[in-house]
C-alpha atoms as a PDB file:
ATOM      1  CA  MET A   1     -99.062  21.763  25.382  1.00  0.00           C
ATOM      2  CA  GLU A   2     -96.190  19.968  26.704  1.00  0.00           C
ATOM      3  CA  PRO A   3     -95.954  16.424  25.748  1.00  0.00           C
ATOM      4  CA  GLY A   4     -96.425  13.540  28.412  1.00  0.00           C
ATOM      5  CA  ILE A   5     -96.580  14.043  32.022  1.00  0.00           C
ATOM      6  CA  PRO A   6     -93.911  14.025  34.603  1.00  0.00           C
ATOM      7  CA  TYR A   7     -93.493  10.465  35.888  1.00  0.00           C
ATOM      8  CA  THR A   8     -91.655   7.374  35.051  1.00  0.00           C
ATOM      9  CA  LYS A   9     -93.221   3.957  34.569  1.00  0.00           C
ATOM     10  CA  ASN A  10     -91.877   2.942  37.944  1.00  0.00           C
ATOM     11  CA  ASP A  11     -93.340   5.765  39.832  1.00  0.00           C
ATOM     12  CA  SER A  12     -96.537   4.225  41.350  1.00  0.00           C
ATOM     13  CA  VAL A  13     -97.536   7.276  43.139  1.00  0.00           C
ATOM     14  CA  LYS A  14     -97.981   9.559  39.902  1.00  0.00           C
ATOM     15  CA  ALA A  15     -98.993   6.750  37.756  1.00  0.00           C
ATOM     16  CA  HIS A  16    -102.742   7.463  37.929  1.00  0.00           C
ATOM     17  CA  TRP A  17    -101.891  10.506  35.937  1.00  0.00           C
ATOM     18  CA  LYS A  18    -101.188   8.395  32.857  1.00  0.00           C
ATOM     19  CA  PRO A  19    -104.490   8.769  31.001  1.00  0.00           C
ATOM     20  CA  TYR A  20    -103.903  12.800  30.983  1.00  0.00           C
ATOM     21  CA  ALA A  21    -100.725  12.279  29.164  1.00  0.00           C
ATOM     22  CA  TYR A  22    -102.304  11.372  25.847  1.00  0.00           C
ATOM     23  CA  ARG A  23    -102.224  14.352  23.176  1.00  0.00           C
ATOM     24  CA  ARG A  24    -105.902  13.630  22.119  1.00  0.00           C
ATOM     25  CA  TYR A  25    -106.971  14.030  25.925  1.00  0.00           C
ATOM     26  CA  LYS A  26    -105.078  17.478  26.066  1.00  0.00           C
ATOM     27  CA  PHE A  27    -106.475  18.735  22.860  1.00  0.00           C
ATOM     28  CA  ASN A  28    -110.120  17.820  23.538  1.00  0.00           C
ATOM     29  CA  ASN A  29    -109.691  19.308  27.167  1.00  0.00           C
ATOM     30  CA  ALA A  30    -108.276  22.527  25.669  1.00  0.00           C
ATOM     31  CA  VAL A  31    -111.125  22.636  23.055  1.00  0.00           C
ATOM     32  CA  GLU A  32    -113.854  22.038  26.217  1.00  0.00           C
ATOM     33  CA  LYS A  33    -112.419  24.769  28.178  1.00  0.00           C
ATOM     34  CA  GLY A  34    -112.653  27.275  25.182  1.00  0.00           C
ATOM     35  CA  ALA A  35    -109.341  27.516  23.936  1.00  0.00           C
ATOM     36  CA  ARG A  36    -109.102  29.048  20.433  1.00  0.00           C
ATOM     37  CA  GLY A  37    -105.871  27.177  19.583  1.00  0.00           C
ATOM     38  CA  LEU A  38    -102.891  25.055  21.114  1.00  0.00           C
ATOM     39  CA  TRP A  39     -99.268  25.135  20.593  1.00  0.00           C
ATOM     40  CA  HIS A  40     -97.731  21.517  20.782  1.00  0.00           C
ATOM     41  CA  ILE A  41     -94.346  22.124  22.036  1.00  0.00           C
ATOM     42  CA  ARG A  42     -92.960  19.216  19.649  1.00  0.00           C
ATOM     43  CA  THR A  43     -91.716  18.999  16.152  1.00  0.00           C
ATOM     44  CA  ILE A  44     -93.174  15.802  15.223  1.00  0.00           C
ATOM     45  CA  ALA A  45     -96.494  16.151  13.862  1.00  0.00           C
ATOM     46  CA  ASN A  46     -99.406  13.651  15.495  1.00  0.00           C
ATOM     47  CA  PRO A  47    -102.005  12.165  12.823  1.00  0.00           C
ATOM     48  CA  ASN A  48    -104.236  11.483  15.945  1.00  0.00           C
ATOM     49  CA  THR A  49    -105.295  14.945  16.455  1.00  0.00           C
ATOM     50  CA  SER A  50    -108.916  15.641  15.457  1.00  0.00           C
ATOM     51  CA  PHE A  51    -110.180  18.559  13.455  1.00  0.00           C
ATOM     52  CA  THR A  52    -112.226  21.144  15.211  1.00  0.00           C
ATOM     53  CA  GLU A  53    -113.468  24.173  12.856  1.00  0.00           C
ATOM     54  CA  ASN A  54    -112.158  27.476  14.116  1.00  0.00           C
ATOM     55  CA  PHE A  55    -109.322  25.969  16.309  1.00  0.00           C
ATOM     56  CA  ILE A  56    -105.684  26.681  15.334  1.00  0.00           C
ATOM     57  CA  TYR A  57    -103.497  23.792  16.321  1.00  0.00           C
ATOM     58  CA  ALA A  58     -99.598  23.773  15.647  1.00  0.00           C
ATOM     59  CA  HIS A  59     -96.533  22.056  16.584  1.00  0.00           C
ATOM     60  CA  ILE A  60     -93.612  24.454  17.570  1.00  0.00           C
ATOM     61  CA  CYS A  61     -89.872  23.416  18.701  1.00  0.00           C
ATOM     62  CA  GLU A  62     -88.700  23.836  22.195  1.00  0.00           C
ATOM     63  CA  LYS A  63     -86.733  27.286  20.959  1.00  0.00           C
ATOM     64  CA  GLY A  64     -89.926  28.667  19.779  1.00  0.00           C
ATOM     65  CA  ALA A  65     -91.884  28.092  22.891  1.00  0.00           C
ATOM     66  CA  VAL A  66     -89.038  29.508  25.004  1.00  0.00           C
ATOM     67  CA  GLN A  67     -89.340  32.690  22.716  1.00  0.00           C
ATOM     68  CA  ILE A  68     -93.262  32.834  23.064  1.00  0.00           C
ATOM     69  CA  PHE A  69     -93.014  32.886  26.790  1.00  0.00           C
ATOM     70  CA  SER A  70     -90.202  35.244  26.810  1.00  0.00           C
ATOM     71  CA  ASP A  71     -92.223  37.564  24.782  1.00  0.00           C
ATOM     72  CA  ALA A  72     -94.996  37.247  27.311  1.00  0.00           C
ATOM     73  CA  GLY A  73     -92.627  38.068  30.273  1.00  0.00           C
ATOM     74  CA  LYS A  74     -92.763  34.400  31.398  1.00  0.00           C
ATOM     75  CA  ASP A  75     -89.718  31.767  31.796  1.00  0.00           C
ATOM     76  CA  HIS A  76     -90.603  28.683  29.892  1.00  0.00           C
ATOM     77  CA  ASN A  77     -88.279  26.330  31.824  1.00  0.00           C
ATOM     78  CA  GLU A  78     -89.832  27.710  35.190  1.00  0.00           C
ATOM     79  CA  VAL A  79     -93.249  26.901  33.940  1.00  0.00           C
ATOM     80  CA  LYS A  80     -92.175  23.443  33.092  1.00  0.00           C
ATOM     81  CA  LYS A  81     -90.658  22.812  36.429  1.00  0.00           C
ATOM     82  CA  GLN A  82     -93.993  23.768  38.014  1.00  0.00           C
ATOM     83  CA  LEU A  83     -95.616  21.499  35.971  1.00  0.00           C
ATOM     84  CA  ALA A  84     -93.308  18.799  36.816  1.00  0.00           C
ATOM     85  CA  GLY A  85     -94.046  19.259  40.374  1.00  0.00           C
ATOM     86  CA  PHE A  86     -97.789  19.110  39.544  1.00  0.00           C
ATOM     87  CA  GLN A  87     -98.255  22.753  40.315  1.00  0.00           C
ATOM     88  CA  SER A  88    -100.804  24.578  38.047  1.00  0.00           C
ATOM     89  CA  PRO A  89     -99.166  27.654  36.909  1.00  0.00           C
ATOM     90  CA  SER A  90    -101.909  29.831  35.291  1.00  0.00           C
ATOM     91  CA  PHE A  91    -101.477  33.042  33.407  1.00  0.00           C
ATOM     92  CA  ALA A  92    -102.640  35.029  30.191  1.00  0.00           C
ATOM     93  CA  PHE A  93    -100.577  35.600  27.531  1.00  0.00           C
ATOM     94  CA  ASN A  94    -100.461  39.376  26.347  1.00  0.00           C
ATOM     95  CA  LYS A  95    -103.406  39.763  23.797  1.00  0.00           C
ATOM     96  CA  GLN A  96    -101.248  42.145  21.665  1.00  0.00           C
ATOM     97  CA  GLN A  97     -98.749  39.346  21.252  1.00  0.00           C
ATOM     98  CA  THR A  98     -98.727  37.776  17.643  1.00  0.00           C
ATOM     99  CA  VAL A  99     -97.285  34.726  16.308  1.00  0.00           C
ATOM    100  CA  ALA A 100     -96.800  33.825  12.596  1.00  0.00           C
ATOM    101  CA  ILE A 101     -97.455  30.382  11.771  1.00  0.00           C
END
């Protein structure tokens, strides 16, 4: 999960996306879509995240995200550019890929 959304407060065209920027919305959306866990790409923990049994939630740094994406054959910066352009890059990570928290 990337923080925020790609707009500035002066961007009236994209301002309607602001409600989707909230961490709690993104967290709950992941749970509702059946995710088993979520990496929040930000090193500062957020106390507003609710507990969900059997759901793993962790904060990781940008360097960690780059490595996880690279190990899966993806370019983290390219995915971020696609998100900034309001594209929906969808892909699965390798099921054999492991991460130690």
